[in-house]
Amino acid sequence: MTVLQGHGNVGYGTAVNMAVSYATEDGPAPGWLLVVNSDVTIPSETQVMLPYLLAATTPPVDVIGFAMRGSDGNHGRGTAVLPTWKTNAYTAVLGEAAAVARWPELRYPIGAFFAIRTETFHRLGGFDPSYWLYYEETDLFARLYAAGGNIVWAGDAMPVMHAGGESTGRSGLLYAELGRSAAVYARRHRHVLGRSWPAVHAATLSVLATRKLAAGRPHDALRAARIFTGLMTGLTRPGWEPATSSQWAAVSAHDRSRLGRLRPARPGDRTRLTASDQKTGVGTHRSRRCAGAPATSTRRTAR
């Protein structure tokens, strides 16, 4: 493993972009990139089958999502549904799992662990450095879907273990950052979400805070309230970045944009997606389940 350091706390998406630029700067580019959180453990069975799965998954598949298990071995959160006013309202009432089942065409993997074709990642421009810690993968997969990209899902026989957000803990500032990132997402995808989405999202957060308070869960209510505050402040103050002057010492969006800009794909790289990839929003795609098959895969890893 090669560790890239000395650039400060650039956040999740920018760090991945930097790693991808390093891993593809010389020699043949790997066919797949594997995005892996530091709190993810890959079971031995999945380690054995993963190279076969990647080698056997051919175009037009662009991304592979995986089943998640929590630290206790039970089913964890490995998938989400793209935000719309309908999915947000539905999630607030019935939960995220119900929303994913209702809109499978908007389903995408969470950022803790997924595989994406190198050419696809480059064609989409990688992660948007505007996001410091949240919504990066949501934004990436919204652009993938708008480009007609395809996601498949590995079966339950190939899970990964995810501790699940333990680095966030109970930090009020990071809850506010979650709201700020939602405001960035709303601006980036306004032509698809419409102007009503921030209002619906704010309303669902208010309902959630009230429900948690009534259920005797004040911490969860406070969390929803802080996300709400971050959302509203982010909408009214686009340049607001509280994490840059906090204990987290986040690198500013201006510097993240410079550090996280992907180097252009080398001449001769073949891409399946078209120029419409640079658009944002939700398009048509196919989401299905896949299984492994024999072959091999080689890649360089950078963090």
Protein backbone atom coordinates (compact mmCIF):
# COMPACT_ATOMS: atom_id res chain seq x y z
CA MET A 1 0.00 0.00 0.00
CA THR A 2 1.18 3.51 -0.82
CA VAL A 3 0.04 6.25 1.56
CA LEU A 4 -0.43 9.77 0.19
CA GLN A 5 0.00 12.40 2.90
CA GLY A 6 0.91 16.00 3.64
CA HIS A 7 -2.17 17.49 1.96
CA GLY A 8 -4.30 18.04 5.08
CA ASN A 9 -7.83 16.88 5.81
CA VAL A 10 -9.27 16.94 2.31
CA GLY A 11 -12.22 14.67 3.09
CA TYR A 12 -13.51 11.52 1.47
CA GLY A 13 -14.14 12.35 -2.19
CA THR A 14 -11.07 14.50 -2.77
CA ALA A 15 -8.85 11.87 -1.16
CA VAL A 16 -10.23 9.17 -3.46
CA ASN A 17 -9.65 11.38 -6.51
CA MET A 18 -6.04 11.94 -5.43
CA ALA A 19 -5.53 8.21 -4.95
CA VAL A 20 -7.01 7.43 -8.36
CA SER A 21 -4.78 10.02 -10.05
CA TYR A 22 -1.75 8.46 -8.40
CA ALA A 23 -2.78 4.88 -9.17
CA THR A 24 -3.34 5.61 -12.87
CA GLU A 25 -0.52 8.07 -13.60
CA ASP A 26 1.90 5.54 -15.11
CA GLY A 27 1.59 2.16 -16.74
CA PRO A 28 -1.65 0.49 -17.85
CA ALA A 29 -4.68 1.71 -15.92
CA PRO A 30 -6.46 -0.98 -13.90
CA GLY A 31 -9.84 -2.06 -15.19
CA TRP A 32 -11.55 -1.49 -11.84
CA LEU A 33 -11.16 0.80 -8.85
CA LEU A 34 -12.18 -0.43 -5.42
CA VAL A 35 -13.28 2.27 -2.97
CA VAL A 36 -12.79 0.99 0.59
CA ASN A 37 -13.37 2.82 3.89
CA SER A 38 -10.84 2.31 6.67
CA ASP A 39 -13.59 0.82 8.86
CA VAL A 40 -14.42 -1.91 6.31
CA THR A 41 -13.22 -5.50 6.64
CA ILE A 42 -13.34 -7.84 3.65
CA PRO A 43 -14.04 -11.44 4.77
CA SER A 44 -11.68 -14.08 3.41
CA GLU A 45 -14.39 -15.67 1.24
CA THR A 46 -15.11 -12.33 -0.40
CA GLN A 47 -11.38 -11.67 -0.87
CA VAL A 48 -11.05 -14.93 -2.79
CA MET A 49 -14.07 -14.35 -5.03
CA LEU A 50 -13.69 -10.60 -5.64
CA PRO A 51 -11.03 -10.78 -8.43
CA TYR A 52 -13.12 -13.39 -10.26
CA LEU A 53 -16.24 -11.22 -9.96
CA LEU A 54 -14.50 -8.12 -11.30
CA ALA A 55 -12.92 -9.96 -14.21
CA ALA A 56 -16.19 -11.65 -15.15
CA THR A 57 -18.29 -8.45 -15.04
CA THR A 58 -18.21 -6.96 -18.52
CA PRO A 59 -19.61 -3.76 -20.07
CA PRO A 60 -22.16 -2.25 -20.00
CA VAL A 61 -21.82 -2.69 -16.21
CA ASP A 62 -20.10 0.31 -14.62
CA VAL A 63 -20.43 -0.27 -10.87
CA ILE A 64 -20.75 -3.24 -8.51
CA GLY A 65 -22.44 -2.81 -5.13
CA PHE A 66 -22.03 -5.22 -2.23
CA ALA A 67 -24.06 -6.46 0.72
CA MET A 68 -22.99 -4.95 4.04
CA ARG A 69 -22.81 -6.59 7.44
CA GLY A 70 -22.51 -4.69 10.69
CA SER A 71 -19.87 -5.35 13.34
CA ASP A 72 -22.36 -7.77 14.93
CA GLY A 73 -22.69 -9.76 11.68
CA ASN A 74 -26.25 -8.64 10.98
CA HIS A 75 -27.39 -6.88 7.81
CA GLY A 76 -26.00 -3.35 7.61
CA ARG A 77 -26.69 -0.29 5.50
CA GLY A 78 -25.11 -0.95 2.13
CA THR A 79 -27.49 0.83 -0.19
CA ALA A 80 -29.49 4.02 -0.43
CA VAL A 81 -31.90 5.71 -2.83
CA LEU A 82 -31.24 8.94 -4.71
CA PRO A 83 -32.92 12.00 -3.18
CA THR A 84 -36.13 13.35 -4.65
CA TRP A 85 -39.02 14.99 -2.83
CA LYS A 86 -40.91 11.70 -3.13
CA THR A 87 -38.11 9.45 -1.85
CA ASN A 88 -37.34 11.81 1.04
CA ALA A 89 -40.95 11.96 2.16
CA TYR A 90 -41.36 8.20 1.77
CA THR A 91 -38.18 7.54 3.75
CA ALA A 92 -39.30 9.83 6.56
CA VAL A 93 -42.52 7.84 6.97
CA LEU A 94 -41.55 4.24 6.15
CA GLY A 95 -37.74 4.16 6.34
CA GLU A 96 -34.91 3.92 3.83
CA ALA A 97 -35.27 0.19 3.15
CA ALA A 98 -38.87 0.72 2.08
CA ALA A 99 -37.83 3.58 -0.22
CA VAL A 100 -35.12 1.42 -1.84
CA ALA A 101 -37.68 -1.32 -2.45
CA ARG A 102 -40.15 1.21 -3.89
CA TRP A 103 -37.62 2.86 -6.25
CA PRO A 104 -35.02 0.20 -7.18
CA GLU A 105 -34.11 2.23 -10.28
CA LEU A 106 -32.74 4.94 -7.95
CA ARG A 107 -30.75 2.54 -5.77
CA TYR A 108 -27.01 3.08 -5.34
CA PRO A 109 -24.21 1.74 -3.09
CA ILE A 110 -23.06 3.74 -0.09
CA GLY A 111 -19.52 5.08 -0.32
CA ALA A 112 -17.97 2.73 2.23
CA PHE A 113 -17.34 -0.01 -0.35
CA PHE A 114 -18.02 -0.35 -4.06
CA ALA A 115 -16.22 -1.14 -7.32
CA ILE A 116 -16.31 1.19 -10.32
CA ARG A 117 -14.67 0.93 -13.72
CA THR A 118 -11.63 3.18 -14.00
CA GLU A 119 -12.75 4.55 -17.34
CA THR A 120 -16.20 5.34 -15.94
CA PHE A 121 -14.75 7.13 -12.93
CA HIS A 122 -12.52 9.25 -15.16
CA ARG A 123 -15.30 9.99 -17.62
CA LEU A 124 -17.54 11.25 -14.81
CA GLY A 125 -14.73 13.41 -13.45
CA GLY A 126 -14.54 11.45 -10.21
CA PHE A 127 -15.98 12.80 -6.98
CA ASP A 128 -16.93 16.46 -6.73
CA PRO A 129 -14.47 18.16 -4.30
CA SER A 130 -17.21 20.61 -3.28
CA TYR A 131 -18.31 17.99 -0.75
CA TRP A 132 -16.02 17.52 2.22
CA LEU A 133 -17.52 14.51 3.97
CA TYR A 134 -21.08 13.63 2.90
CA TYR A 135 -23.15 13.24 -0.29
CA GLU A 136 -20.10 12.57 -2.48
CA GLU A 137 -21.24 9.15 -3.63
CA THR A 138 -24.84 10.35 -3.97
CA ASP A 139 -23.65 13.04 -6.36
CA LEU A 140 -21.40 10.59 -8.25
CA PHE A 141 -24.15 8.04 -8.80
CA ALA A 142 -26.68 10.71 -9.77
CA ARG A 143 -24.29 11.69 -12.57
CA LEU A 144 -23.73 8.04 -13.46
CA TYR A 145 -27.46 7.44 -13.81
CA ALA A 146 -27.89 10.59 -15.88
CA ALA A 147 -25.29 9.16 -18.26
CA GLY A 148 -27.20 5.87 -18.59
CA GLY A 149 -24.75 3.94 -16.41
CA ASN A 150 -25.40 0.49 -15.00
CA ILE A 151 -25.06 -0.96 -11.51
CA VAL A 152 -25.10 -4.63 -10.56
CA TRP A 153 -25.21 -6.08 -7.05
CA ALA A 154 -23.08 -8.90 -5.73
CA GLY A 155 -25.02 -11.60 -3.92
CA ASP A 156 -25.24 -12.08 -0.16
CA ALA A 157 -22.51 -14.73 -0.44
CA MET A 158 -19.98 -11.92 -0.95
CA PRO A 159 -20.60 -9.47 1.91
CA VAL A 160 -18.22 -6.97 3.50
CA MET A 161 -18.14 -5.93 7.15
CA HIS A 162 -18.66 -2.25 7.93
CA ALA A 163 -18.36 -0.75 11.42
CA GLY A 164 -20.61 2.06 10.25
CA GLY A 165 -19.99 5.73 10.94
CA GLU A 166 -17.98 5.25 14.11
CA SER A 167 -15.61 8.08 13.18
CA THR A 168 -18.46 10.58 13.34
CA GLY A 169 -19.50 9.72 16.87
CA ARG A 170 -21.66 12.43 18.39
CA SER A 171 -20.06 15.47 16.78
CA GLY A 172 -22.59 18.27 16.35
CA LEU A 173 -20.38 19.93 13.76
CA LEU A 174 -20.38 16.85 11.52
CA TYR A 175 -24.17 16.68 11.75
CA ALA A 176 -24.23 20.29 10.56
CA GLU A 177 -21.81 19.32 7.78
CA LEU A 178 -24.29 16.66 6.65
CA GLY A 179 -26.88 19.42 6.24
CA ARG A 180 -24.38 21.67 4.45
CA SER A 181 -23.58 18.89 1.98
CA ALA A 182 -27.29 18.45 1.31
CA ALA A 183 -27.42 22.15 0.40
CA VAL A 184 -24.49 21.67 -2.01
CA TYR A 185 -26.29 18.71 -3.57
CA ALA A 186 -29.48 20.75 -3.94
CA ARG A 187 -27.60 23.44 -5.88
CA ARG A 188 -25.71 20.95 -8.05
CA HIS A 189 -28.87 19.04 -9.04
CA ARG A 190 -31.48 21.78 -8.92
CA HIS A 191 -32.65 21.17 -12.50
CA VAL A 192 -33.65 17.62 -11.55
CA LEU A 193 -34.64 18.02 -7.90
CA GLY A 194 -36.53 21.25 -8.43
CA ARG A 195 -36.71 24.10 -5.95
CA SER A 196 -39.08 22.14 -3.72
CA TRP A 197 -36.58 19.48 -2.62
CA PRO A 198 -34.78 21.53 0.08
CA ALA A 199 -38.15 22.46 1.59
CA VAL A 200 -39.28 18.83 1.62
CA HIS A 201 -35.95 17.72 3.10
CA ALA A 202 -36.18 20.40 5.78
CA ALA A 203 -39.75 19.35 6.58
CA THR A 204 -38.78 15.69 6.93
CA LEU A 205 -35.94 16.64 9.28
CA SER A 206 -38.37 18.66 11.40
CA VAL A 207 -40.79 15.74 11.54
CA LEU A 208 -37.95 13.38 12.42
CA ALA A 209 -36.73 15.62 15.25
CA THR A 210 -40.26 15.84 16.68
CA ARG A 211 -40.78 12.08 16.49
CA LYS A 212 -37.46 11.28 18.16
CA LEU A 213 -38.14 13.78 20.93
CA ALA A 214 -41.58 12.30 21.53
CA ALA A 215 -40.04 8.81 21.64
CA GLY A 216 -37.67 9.86 24.41
CA ARG A 217 -34.57 9.96 22.22
CA PRO A 218 -33.26 13.51 22.68
CA HIS A 219 -29.87 12.84 21.10
CA ASP A 220 -31.47 11.67 17.86
CA ALA A 221 -33.78 14.68 17.95
CA LEU A 222 -30.79 17.00 18.43
CA ARG A 223 -28.98 15.29 15.56
CA ALA A 224 -31.91 15.95 13.19
CA ALA A 225 -32.09 19.55 14.41
CA ARG A 226 -28.40 20.11 13.72
CA ILE A 227 -28.70 18.63 10.24
CA PHE A 228 -31.65 20.97 9.66
CA THR A 229 -29.60 23.96 10.83
CA GLY A 230 -26.72 22.96 8.56
CA LEU A 231 -29.09 22.62 5.60
CA MET A 232 -30.69 26.02 6.10
CA THR A 233 -27.36 27.78 6.70
CA GLY A 234 -25.82 26.07 3.66
CA LEU A 235 -28.71 27.22 1.49
CA THR A 236 -28.47 30.84 2.59
CA ARG A 237 -24.66 31.00 2.81
CA PRO A 238 -23.12 28.98 -0.08
CA GLY A 239 -19.57 29.79 1.04
CA TRP A 240 -20.11 28.58 4.63
CA GLU A 241 -17.54 25.94 5.66
CA PRO A 242 -17.50 25.53 9.45
CA ALA A 243 -15.22 22.46 9.37
CA THR A 244 -12.29 24.52 8.06
CA SER A 245 -11.99 26.43 11.35
CA SER A 246 -12.91 23.51 13.63
CA GLN A 247 -10.98 20.75 15.36
CA TRP A 248 -11.24 18.80 12.09
CA ALA A 249 -9.12 21.42 10.26
CA ALA A 250 -10.79 20.66 6.94
CA VAL A 251 -9.11 21.90 3.76
CA SER A 252 -11.19 24.60 2.06
CA ALA A 253 -13.34 23.84 -0.99
CA HIS A 254 -11.08 26.02 -3.13
CA ASP A 255 -8.01 23.97 -2.24
CA ARG A 256 -9.91 20.68 -2.44
CA SER A 257 -10.92 21.56 -5.99
CA ARG A 258 -7.26 22.01 -6.91
CA LEU A 259 -6.03 18.88 -5.13
CA GLY A 260 -8.91 16.65 -6.19
CA ARG A 261 -8.96 17.43 -9.89
CA LEU A 262 -8.50 14.15 -11.75
CA ARG A 263 -5.67 14.02 -14.24
CA PRO A 264 -7.02 13.51 -17.78
CA ALA A 265 -7.37 9.93 -18.97
CA ARG A 266 -4.46 8.85 -21.11
CA PRO A 267 -4.89 8.84 -24.90
CA GLY A 268 -6.24 5.54 -26.11
CA ASP A 269 -8.36 4.87 -23.03
CA ARG A 270 -11.73 3.60 -24.17
CA THR A 271 -14.90 4.84 -22.51
CA ARG A 272 -18.42 3.59 -22.93
CA LEU A 273 -20.17 6.69 -21.63
CA THR A 274 -20.77 9.75 -23.81
CA ALA A 275 -20.36 13.49 -23.45
CA SER A 276 -23.70 13.62 -21.68
CA ASP A 277 -21.89 12.17 -18.65
CA GLN A 278 -21.06 15.69 -17.53
CA LYS A 279 -24.75 16.38 -16.95
CA THR A 280 -26.23 15.76 -13.54
CA GLY A 281 -29.49 14.19 -12.48
CA VAL A 282 -31.28 10.89 -12.65
CA GLY A 283 -31.44 8.96 -15.89
CA THR A 284 -32.35 5.43 -16.89
CA HIS A 285 -30.17 2.52 -15.91
CA ARG A 286 -30.32 -1.14 -15.09
CA SER A 287 -29.74 -2.40 -11.58
CA ARG A 288 -29.40 -6.13 -11.15
CA ARG A 289 -27.62 -8.86 -9.19
CA CYS A 290 -24.48 -10.64 -10.38
CA ALA A 291 -22.34 -13.59 -9.37
CA GLY A 292 -18.64 -14.42 -9.69
CA ALA A 293 -16.84 -16.28 -12.46
CA PRO A 294 -13.20 -17.36 -12.93
CA ALA A 295 -10.46 -14.91 -13.95
CA THR A 296 -7.85 -12.68 -12.33
CA SER A 297 -7.42 -8.98 -11.61
CA THR A 298 -4.45 -6.78 -10.74
CA ARG A 299 -4.47 -3.22 -9.38
CA ARG A 300 -2.39 -0.66 -7.51
CA THR A 301 -3.77 0.72 -4.29
CA ALA A 302 -3.36 4.22 -2.88
CA ARG A 303 -4.99 5.97 0.05
